[in-house]
Amino acid sequence: MKTQRRTADEQYQLIMECRSSGLSDYQWCTEHNINPGTFYNWVKRLRKKACYDIPSATGRGDYKPALSRVD
């Protein structure tokens, strides 16, 4: 399946919609058929273009990576 290219304005609007939805980025992306990696690339690229008003991600504070045990 070929992915749809989005303009920077469209990317910005989708990011703002996601961040105001109350869902985690991953949940929102899954529901909207957007690859989360692609979404985070949009965020990174737009922040480099001085779009500092993009809010931080929500729902990520509870994540604790599993610690591997070395024997």
Protein backbone atom coordinates (compact mmCIF):
# COMPACT_ATOMS: atom_id res chain seq x y z
CA MET A 1 0.00 0.00 0.00
CA LYS A 2 1.40 3.36 -1.00
CA THR A 3 1.50 5.95 1.76
CA GLN A 4 0.06 9.40 1.33
CA ARG A 5 2.47 12.30 1.39
CA ARG A 6 1.47 15.16 3.66
CA THR A 7 2.45 18.80 3.46
CA ALA A 8 4.09 20.43 6.47
CA ASP A 9 0.79 22.20 7.21
CA GLU A 10 -1.10 18.90 7.14
CA GLN A 11 1.53 17.30 9.37
CA TYR A 12 1.24 20.16 11.85
CA GLN A 13 -2.56 19.89 11.93
CA LEU A 14 -2.39 16.12 12.50
CA ILE A 15 0.16 16.54 15.30
CA MET A 16 -2.01 19.15 17.01
CA GLU A 17 -5.09 16.94 16.61
CA CYS A 18 -3.21 14.01 18.13
CA ARG A 19 -1.79 15.95 21.04
CA SER A 20 -5.19 17.42 21.93
CA SER A 21 -7.02 14.07 21.65
CA GLY A 22 -6.13 12.78 25.12
CA LEU A 23 -4.76 9.57 23.59
CA SER A 24 -1.14 8.54 23.57
CA ASP A 25 0.66 9.27 20.31
CA TYR A 26 0.86 5.54 19.59
CA GLN A 27 -2.88 4.98 20.17
CA TRP A 28 -3.84 7.96 18.03
CA CYS A 29 -1.49 6.97 15.20
CA THR A 30 -2.83 3.40 15.23
CA GLU A 31 -6.42 4.65 15.02
CA HIS A 32 -5.54 6.98 12.12
CA ASN A 33 -3.35 4.51 10.18
CA ILE A 34 -0.21 6.59 10.60
CA ASN A 35 3.09 4.91 11.37
CA PRO A 36 4.23 6.19 14.80
CA GLY A 37 7.81 6.50 13.51
CA THR A 38 6.61 8.70 10.68
CA PHE A 39 4.61 10.79 13.16
CA TYR A 40 7.67 11.36 15.38
CA ASN A 41 9.74 12.29 12.32
CA TRP A 42 7.14 14.96 11.54
CA VAL A 43 7.38 16.30 15.10
CA LYS A 44 11.17 16.38 14.95
CA ARG A 45 11.26 18.04 11.53
CA LEU A 46 8.68 20.70 12.44
CA ARG A 47 10.40 21.53 15.73
CA LYS A 48 13.60 22.11 13.78
CA LYS A 49 11.62 24.57 11.64
CA ALA A 50 10.82 26.53 14.83
CA CYS A 51 7.33 25.15 15.49
CA TYR A 52 7.90 25.30 19.23
CA ASP A 53 4.20 25.40 20.05
CA ILE A 54 3.84 21.64 19.45
CA PRO A 55 2.86 20.21 22.84
CA SER A 56 4.77 17.38 24.46
CA ALA A 57 3.50 13.83 24.13
CA THR A 58 0.98 12.56 26.65
CA GLY A 59 0.62 9.11 28.13
CA ARG A 60 4.32 8.35 28.14
CA GLY A 61 5.09 9.09 31.80
CA ASP A 62 3.86 5.69 33.00
CA TYR A 63 6.23 3.74 30.76
CA LYS A 64 9.01 1.99 32.63
CA PRO A 65 11.36 -0.14 30.53
CA ALA A 66 12.01 -3.61 31.82
CA LEU A 67 15.44 -3.95 33.35
CA SER A 68 17.35 -6.93 32.09
CA ARG A 69 19.17 -8.97 34.65
CA VAL A 70 22.77 -9.90 34.04
CA ASP A 71 23.86 -13.13 35.71
